[in-house]
Amino acid sequence: MGNKTSLIKILVVDDSRIMQNILKNSFAPTEAWGRTEFLTASDGEEALKVISENEVDILFLDWNMPKLDGLAVLKKLRQNDKYKELPIIMITSEAAKYNIIEAMKAGVSDYIIKPATKKVLVEKVKKCILGSNN
């Protein structure tokens, strides 16, 4: 991932268009990566379909969605060897400690409580994709 010509594909799974747009607008090309391409899904079932049809580098996942919630999507993906290493960042208003623990047990890569700043979003992606904290 380390060069400016690289492309990262980000799947944003959130039933809020506003949240999808906030995430999209947070990821201009940086020194850490080149361009970003966004895929979106509005519920868990759609997310599983999109991810099965596309190679994605990182997944932002809301918890509360229709049809299939984020935790169920996370568990399904982690059961599949193809997605065991996929960086999955839960971004949700679920701030209770037991929710965070449940997501961690299910294999989430990181957890962001809404609302999140652009700085936090970018730092989490760098950490997940590049393995760095800067």
N, C-alpha and C. Protein backbone atom coordinates (compact mmCIF):
# COMPACT_ATOMS: atom_id res chain seq x y z
N MET A 1 0.80 -1.22 0.00
CA MET A 1 0.00 0.00 0.00
C MET A 1 0.83 1.27 0.00
N GLY A 2 2.10 1.23 0.23
CA GLY A 2 2.84 2.43 0.57
C GLY A 2 3.08 3.47 -0.50
N ASN A 3 2.65 3.31 -1.75
CA ASN A 3 2.98 4.35 -2.72
C ASN A 3 1.77 5.16 -3.14
N LYS A 4 2.04 6.32 -3.74
CA LYS A 4 0.97 7.27 -4.03
C LYS A 4 0.07 6.84 -5.18
N THR A 5 0.50 5.84 -5.94
CA THR A 5 -0.33 5.42 -7.07
C THR A 5 -1.31 4.33 -6.65
N SER A 6 -1.19 3.85 -5.43
CA SER A 6 -2.05 2.75 -5.01
C SER A 6 -3.49 3.24 -4.79
N LEU A 7 -4.38 2.33 -4.97
CA LEU A 7 -5.81 2.59 -4.82
C LEU A 7 -6.30 1.76 -3.65
N ILE A 8 -7.05 2.36 -2.74
CA ILE A 8 -7.69 1.54 -1.73
C ILE A 8 -9.19 1.57 -1.98
N LYS A 9 -9.77 0.39 -1.89
CA LYS A 9 -11.21 0.25 -2.06
C LYS A 9 -11.84 0.14 -0.69
N ILE A 10 -12.76 1.05 -0.42
CA ILE A 10 -13.41 1.12 0.87
C ILE A 10 -14.90 0.83 0.69
N LEU A 11 -15.39 -0.13 1.44
CA LEU A 11 -16.83 -0.40 1.45
C LEU A 11 -17.43 0.23 2.70
N VAL A 12 -18.40 1.10 2.49
CA VAL A 12 -19.10 1.76 3.59
C VAL A 12 -20.49 1.16 3.69
N VAL A 13 -20.76 0.55 4.83
CA VAL A 13 -22.06 -0.09 5.06
C VAL A 13 -22.79 0.68 6.15
N ASP A 14 -23.77 1.45 5.72
CA ASP A 14 -24.53 2.29 6.66
C ASP A 14 -25.86 2.62 6.01
N ASP A 15 -26.94 2.55 6.78
CA ASP A 15 -28.25 2.86 6.20
C ASP A 15 -28.48 4.36 6.09
N SER A 16 -27.53 5.16 6.54
CA SER A 16 -27.63 6.62 6.43
C SER A 16 -26.80 7.12 5.26
N ARG A 17 -27.45 7.73 4.27
CA ARG A 17 -26.73 8.34 3.13
C ARG A 17 -25.77 9.42 3.62
N ILE A 18 -26.21 10.16 4.63
CA ILE A 18 -25.38 11.23 5.17
C ILE A 18 -24.07 10.65 5.71
N MET A 19 -24.17 9.56 6.46
CA MET A 19 -22.96 8.93 7.00
C MET A 19 -22.08 8.39 5.88
N GLN A 20 -22.68 7.81 4.85
CA GLN A 20 -21.91 7.33 3.70
C GLN A 20 -21.11 8.49 3.09
N ASN A 21 -21.77 9.63 2.93
CA ASN A 21 -21.11 10.79 2.33
C ASN A 21 -20.02 11.37 3.23
N ILE A 22 -20.26 11.40 4.53
CA ILE A 22 -19.24 11.89 5.46
C ILE A 22 -17.98 11.04 5.33
N LEU A 23 -18.15 9.73 5.29
CA LEU A 23 -17.00 8.85 5.15
C LEU A 23 -16.30 9.06 3.82
N LYS A 24 -17.06 9.15 2.75
CA LYS A 24 -16.46 9.38 1.43
C LYS A 24 -15.64 10.67 1.41
N ASN A 25 -16.19 11.72 2.00
CA ASN A 25 -15.53 13.02 1.97
C ASN A 25 -14.31 13.10 2.89
N SER A 26 -14.11 12.11 3.73
CA SER A 26 -12.98 12.11 4.66
C SER A 26 -11.71 11.55 4.04
N PHE A 27 -11.81 10.96 2.86
CA PHE A 27 -10.67 10.24 2.32
C PHE A 27 -10.18 10.75 0.98
N ALA A 28 -9.62 11.94 1.01
CA ALA A 28 -8.93 12.45 -0.17
C ALA A 28 -7.62 11.68 -0.29
N PRO A 29 -7.01 11.65 -1.48
CA PRO A 29 -5.70 11.00 -1.59
C PRO A 29 -4.71 11.61 -0.60
N THR A 30 -3.88 10.78 -0.01
CA THR A 30 -2.89 11.24 0.95
C THR A 30 -1.53 10.66 0.60
N GLU A 31 -0.54 11.00 1.39
CA GLU A 31 0.79 10.41 1.18
C GLU A 31 0.77 8.92 1.50
N ALA A 32 -0.15 8.52 2.35
CA ALA A 32 -0.22 7.10 2.74
C ALA A 32 -0.80 6.22 1.64
N TRP A 33 -1.69 6.76 0.87
CA TRP A 33 -2.28 6.02 -0.24
C TRP A 33 -2.61 6.99 -1.35
N GLY A 34 -2.85 6.45 -2.51
CA GLY A 34 -3.21 7.30 -3.64
C GLY A 34 -4.70 7.57 -3.63
N ARG A 35 -5.37 7.02 -4.60
CA ARG A 35 -6.81 7.26 -4.72
C ARG A 35 -7.60 6.30 -3.84
N THR A 36 -8.82 6.72 -3.57
CA THR A 36 -9.75 5.84 -2.87
C THR A 36 -10.97 5.63 -3.75
N GLU A 37 -11.45 4.42 -3.74
CA GLU A 37 -12.69 4.11 -4.46
C GLU A 37 -13.68 3.63 -3.42
N PHE A 38 -14.90 4.15 -3.51
CA PHE A 38 -15.91 3.81 -2.52
C PHE A 38 -17.00 2.95 -3.09
N LEU A 39 -17.36 1.94 -2.34
CA LEU A 39 -18.54 1.14 -2.60
C LEU A 39 -19.42 1.35 -1.38
N THR A 40 -20.73 1.33 -1.60
CA THR A 40 -21.63 1.52 -0.46
C THR A 40 -22.70 0.44 -0.44
N ALA A 41 -23.21 0.20 0.76
CA ALA A 41 -24.34 -0.70 0.96
C ALA A 41 -25.17 -0.10 2.09
N SER A 42 -26.48 -0.27 1.98
CA SER A 42 -27.40 0.35 2.95
C SER A 42 -27.90 -0.61 4.02
N ASP A 43 -27.57 -1.89 3.89
CA ASP A 43 -27.92 -2.86 4.92
C ASP A 43 -26.97 -4.04 4.84
N GLY A 44 -27.06 -4.90 5.83
CA GLY A 44 -26.14 -6.02 5.92
C GLY A 44 -26.21 -7.00 4.77
N GLU A 45 -27.41 -7.29 4.30
CA GLU A 45 -27.56 -8.23 3.17
C GLU A 45 -26.90 -7.67 1.92
N GLU A 46 -27.12 -6.39 1.66
CA GLU A 46 -26.50 -5.74 0.50
C GLU A 46 -24.98 -5.74 0.66
N ALA A 47 -24.50 -5.54 1.87
CA ALA A 47 -23.05 -5.53 2.13
C ALA A 47 -22.43 -6.86 1.75
N LEU A 48 -23.06 -7.96 2.14
CA LEU A 48 -22.51 -9.28 1.83
C LEU A 48 -22.49 -9.52 0.32
N LYS A 49 -23.50 -9.02 -0.37
CA LYS A 49 -23.54 -9.15 -1.83
C LYS A 49 -22.41 -8.33 -2.47
N VAL A 50 -22.27 -7.07 -2.05
CA VAL A 50 -21.23 -6.20 -2.62
C VAL A 50 -19.84 -6.77 -2.37
N ILE A 51 -19.61 -7.26 -1.16
CA ILE A 51 -18.28 -7.76 -0.82
C ILE A 51 -17.96 -9.06 -1.56
N SER A 52 -18.98 -9.83 -1.88
CA SER A 52 -18.74 -11.07 -2.62
C SER A 52 -18.41 -10.80 -4.09
N GLU A 53 -18.80 -9.63 -4.58
CA GLU A 53 -18.60 -9.29 -6.00
C GLU A 53 -17.42 -8.36 -6.22
N ASN A 54 -16.79 -7.86 -5.16
CA ASN A 54 -15.71 -6.87 -5.28
C ASN A 54 -14.59 -7.18 -4.32
N GLU A 55 -13.37 -6.85 -4.72
CA GLU A 55 -12.23 -6.92 -3.80
C GLU A 55 -12.21 -5.61 -3.02
N VAL A 56 -12.31 -5.69 -1.71
CA VAL A 56 -12.24 -4.47 -0.91
C VAL A 56 -11.05 -4.55 0.04
N ASP A 57 -10.48 -3.38 0.34
CA ASP A 57 -9.31 -3.31 1.22
C ASP A 57 -9.69 -3.05 2.67
N ILE A 58 -10.84 -2.41 2.85
CA ILE A 58 -11.27 -2.08 4.21
C ILE A 58 -12.79 -1.89 4.21
N LEU A 59 -13.39 -2.18 5.35
CA LEU A 59 -14.84 -2.13 5.47
C LEU A 59 -15.21 -1.29 6.68
N PHE A 60 -16.03 -0.27 6.46
CA PHE A 60 -16.64 0.49 7.55
C PHE A 60 -18.04 -0.07 7.73
N LEU A 61 -18.39 -0.42 8.95
CA LEU A 61 -19.63 -1.14 9.21
C LEU A 61 -20.42 -0.50 10.33
N ASP A 62 -21.64 -0.10 10.02
CA ASP A 62 -22.55 0.41 11.05
C ASP A 62 -23.13 -0.78 11.80
N TRP A 63 -23.55 -0.56 13.02
CA TRP A 63 -24.12 -1.65 13.81
C TRP A 63 -25.62 -1.79 13.51
N ASN A 64 -26.35 -0.68 13.63
CA ASN A 64 -27.81 -0.72 13.52
C ASN A 64 -28.27 -0.48 12.09
N MET A 65 -28.70 -1.56 11.44
CA MET A 65 -29.19 -1.47 10.05
C MET A 65 -30.33 -2.45 9.86
N PRO A 66 -31.15 -2.18 8.85
CA PRO A 66 -32.24 -3.12 8.54
C PRO A 66 -31.70 -4.43 7.96
N LYS A 67 -32.54 -5.44 7.96
CA LYS A 67 -32.29 -6.77 7.39
C LYS A 67 -31.24 -7.58 8.13
N LEU A 68 -30.00 -7.08 8.20
CA LEU A 68 -28.93 -7.80 8.87
C LEU A 68 -28.06 -6.74 9.54
N ASP A 69 -27.91 -6.80 10.86
CA ASP A 69 -27.14 -5.74 11.52
C ASP A 69 -25.64 -5.95 11.35
N GLY A 70 -24.89 -4.94 11.74
CA GLY A 70 -23.44 -4.96 11.54
C GLY A 70 -22.73 -6.09 12.26
N LEU A 71 -23.19 -6.42 13.46
CA LEU A 71 -22.56 -7.51 14.20
C LEU A 71 -22.75 -8.84 13.46
N ALA A 72 -23.93 -9.06 12.92
CA ALA A 72 -24.20 -10.28 12.16
C ALA A 72 -23.33 -10.35 10.90
N VAL A 73 -23.17 -9.21 10.24
CA VAL A 73 -22.30 -9.15 9.04
C VAL A 73 -20.86 -9.47 9.44
N LEU A 74 -20.39 -8.86 10.51
CA LEU A 74 -19.04 -9.09 11.00
C LEU A 74 -18.82 -10.58 11.27
N LYS A 75 -19.74 -11.21 11.97
CA LYS A 75 -19.61 -12.63 12.31
C LYS A 75 -19.60 -13.50 11.05
N LYS A 76 -20.49 -13.20 10.11
CA LYS A 76 -20.53 -13.96 8.85
C LYS A 76 -19.20 -13.84 8.09
N LEU A 77 -18.69 -12.62 8.00
CA LEU A 77 -17.43 -12.42 7.28
C LEU A 77 -16.27 -13.13 7.95
N ARG A 78 -16.20 -13.07 9.26
CA ARG A 78 -15.09 -13.69 9.98
C ARG A 78 -15.14 -15.23 9.93
N GLN A 79 -16.31 -15.80 9.61
CA GLN A 79 -16.42 -17.25 9.47
C GLN A 79 -15.85 -17.73 8.13
N ASN A 80 -15.66 -16.79 7.20
CA ASN A 80 -15.16 -17.12 5.87
C ASN A 80 -13.66 -16.82 5.82
N ASP A 81 -12.86 -17.83 5.48
CA ASP A 81 -11.40 -17.66 5.46
C ASP A 81 -10.95 -16.50 4.59
N LYS A 82 -11.69 -16.24 3.53
CA LYS A 82 -11.33 -15.15 2.60
C LYS A 82 -11.32 -13.79 3.30
N TYR A 83 -12.14 -13.64 4.35
CA TYR A 83 -12.29 -12.33 5.01
C TYR A 83 -11.72 -12.30 6.43
N LYS A 84 -10.99 -13.33 6.82
CA LYS A 84 -10.44 -13.39 8.18
C LYS A 84 -9.50 -12.21 8.48
N GLU A 85 -8.75 -11.76 7.45
CA GLU A 85 -7.77 -10.69 7.64
C GLU A 85 -8.27 -9.32 7.17
N LEU A 86 -9.46 -9.26 6.60
CA LEU A 86 -9.99 -8.00 6.09
C LEU A 86 -10.16 -7.00 7.23
N PRO A 87 -9.57 -5.80 7.10
CA PRO A 87 -9.79 -4.79 8.15
C PRO A 87 -11.26 -4.35 8.17
N ILE A 88 -11.90 -4.56 9.30
CA ILE A 88 -13.30 -4.17 9.47
C ILE A 88 -13.38 -3.21 10.65
N ILE A 89 -13.83 -2.00 10.35
CA ILE A 89 -13.96 -0.97 11.39
C ILE A 89 -15.45 -0.73 11.63
N MET A 90 -15.88 -1.01 12.84
CA MET A 90 -17.26 -0.75 13.22
C MET A 90 -17.35 0.74 13.53
N ILE A 91 -18.28 1.43 12.88
CA ILE A 91 -18.49 2.85 13.16
C ILE A 91 -19.97 3.01 13.52
N THR A 92 -20.22 3.30 14.78
CA THR A 92 -21.58 3.18 15.29
C THR A 92 -21.83 4.11 16.47
N SER A 93 -23.10 4.32 16.76
CA SER A 93 -23.46 5.09 17.94
C SER A 93 -23.57 4.18 19.17
N GLU A 94 -23.38 2.88 18.98
CA GLU A 94 -23.42 1.93 20.10
C GLU A 94 -22.15 2.08 20.92
N ALA A 95 -22.26 2.82 22.03
CA ALA A 95 -21.07 3.16 22.81
C ALA A 95 -20.93 2.35 24.09
N ALA A 96 -21.91 1.49 24.37
CA ALA A 96 -21.85 0.73 25.61
C ALA A 96 -20.67 -0.24 25.58
N LYS A 97 -20.03 -0.39 26.72
CA LYS A 97 -18.84 -1.24 26.81
C LYS A 97 -19.14 -2.67 26.33
N TYR A 98 -20.31 -3.21 26.68
CA TYR A 98 -20.61 -4.58 26.29
C TYR A 98 -20.73 -4.71 24.76
N ASN A 99 -21.18 -3.64 24.08
CA ASN A 99 -21.23 -3.68 22.61
C ASN A 99 -19.82 -3.76 22.03
N ILE A 100 -18.94 -2.94 22.57
CA ILE A 100 -17.56 -2.90 22.09
C ILE A 100 -16.90 -4.27 22.32
N ILE A 101 -17.11 -4.83 23.50
CA ILE A 101 -16.54 -6.15 23.83
C ILE A 101 -17.09 -7.22 22.89
N GLU A 102 -18.40 -7.18 22.63
CA GLU A 102 -19.02 -8.15 21.73
C GLU A 102 -18.43 -8.06 20.33
N ALA A 103 -18.23 -6.83 19.84
CA ALA A 103 -17.65 -6.63 18.51
C ALA A 103 -16.20 -7.11 18.49
N MET A 104 -15.45 -6.84 19.55
CA MET A 104 -14.05 -7.29 19.62
C MET A 104 -13.99 -8.82 19.59
N LYS A 105 -14.86 -9.46 20.36
CA LYS A 105 -14.90 -10.93 20.39
C LYS A 105 -15.23 -11.49 19.01
N ALA A 106 -16.05 -10.77 18.26
CA ALA A 106 -16.46 -11.23 16.93
C ALA A 106 -15.38 -10.97 15.88
N GLY A 107 -14.33 -10.24 16.26
CA GLY A 107 -13.21 -10.07 15.35
C GLY A 107 -13.11 -8.73 14.65
N VAL A 108 -13.74 -7.70 15.20
CA VAL A 108 -13.64 -6.37 14.58
C VAL A 108 -12.19 -5.87 14.69
N SER A 109 -11.75 -5.16 13.67
CA SER A 109 -10.37 -4.63 13.67
C SER A 109 -10.25 -3.38 14.52
N ASP A 110 -11.29 -2.56 14.50
CA ASP A 110 -11.29 -1.33 15.28
C ASP A 110 -12.74 -0.89 15.48
N TYR A 111 -12.93 0.06 16.39
CA TYR A 111 -14.28 0.46 16.77
C TYR A 111 -14.30 1.97 16.93
N ILE A 112 -15.17 2.64 16.21
CA ILE A 112 -15.29 4.10 16.28
C ILE A 112 -16.71 4.44 16.71
N ILE A 113 -16.81 5.31 17.69
CA ILE A 113 -18.13 5.75 18.13
C ILE A 113 -18.49 7.05 17.42
N LYS A 114 -19.69 7.08 16.81
CA LYS A 114 -20.17 8.27 16.10
C LYS A 114 -20.48 9.37 17.11
N PRO A 115 -20.31 10.62 16.74
CA PRO A 115 -19.73 11.10 15.48
C PRO A 115 -18.21 11.03 15.55
N ALA A 116 -17.59 10.77 14.41
CA ALA A 116 -16.14 10.66 14.35
C ALA A 116 -15.57 11.78 13.50
N THR A 117 -14.42 12.26 13.89
CA THR A 117 -13.77 13.31 13.10
C THR A 117 -13.03 12.69 11.92
N LYS A 118 -12.78 13.51 10.94
CA LYS A 118 -12.02 13.05 9.77
C LYS A 118 -10.65 12.52 10.22
N LYS A 119 -10.03 13.22 11.15
CA LYS A 119 -8.70 12.83 11.65
C LYS A 119 -8.74 11.42 12.23
N VAL A 120 -9.74 11.12 13.04
CA VAL A 120 -9.86 9.79 13.65
C VAL A 120 -10.08 8.74 12.57
N LEU A 121 -10.95 9.03 11.61
CA LEU A 121 -11.22 8.07 10.53
C LEU A 121 -9.95 7.73 9.76
N VAL A 122 -9.21 8.76 9.38
CA VAL A 122 -7.99 8.56 8.60
C VAL A 122 -6.95 7.79 9.42
N GLU A 123 -6.82 8.14 10.70
CA GLU A 123 -5.86 7.43 11.56
C GLU A 123 -6.20 5.95 11.68
N LYS A 124 -7.47 5.64 11.83
CA LYS A 124 -7.89 4.23 11.96
C LYS A 124 -7.60 3.46 10.68
N VAL A 125 -7.85 4.08 9.53
CA VAL A 125 -7.59 3.41 8.26
C VAL A 125 -6.08 3.19 8.09
N LYS A 126 -5.29 4.20 8.40
CA LYS A 126 -3.83 4.03 8.31
C LYS A 126 -3.38 2.88 9.19
N LYS A 127 -3.91 2.84 10.40
CA LYS A 127 -3.52 1.78 11.35
C LYS A 127 -3.91 0.40 10.80
N CYS A 128 -5.11 0.28 10.26
CA CYS A 128 -5.58 -1.01 9.75
C CYS A 128 -4.87 -1.44 8.47
N ILE A 129 -4.66 -0.50 7.56
CA ILE A 129 -4.10 -0.85 6.26
C ILE A 129 -2.57 -0.83 6.27
N LEU A 130 -2.02 0.15 6.93
CA LEU A 130 -0.56 0.32 6.88
C LEU A 130 0.12 -0.17 8.15
N GLY A 131 -0.68 -0.47 9.16
CA GLY A 131 -0.10 -0.92 10.42
C GLY A 131 0.64 0.17 11.16
N SER A 132 0.24 1.43 10.90
CA SER A 132 0.93 2.53 11.58
C SER A 132 -0.05 3.40 12.34
N ASN A 133 0.47 4.13 13.29
CA ASN A 133 -0.36 5.03 14.09
C ASN A 133 -0.11 6.49 13.75
N ASN A 134 0.60 6.77 12.67
CA ASN A 134 0.89 8.18 12.35
C ASN A 134 0.35 8.58 11.01
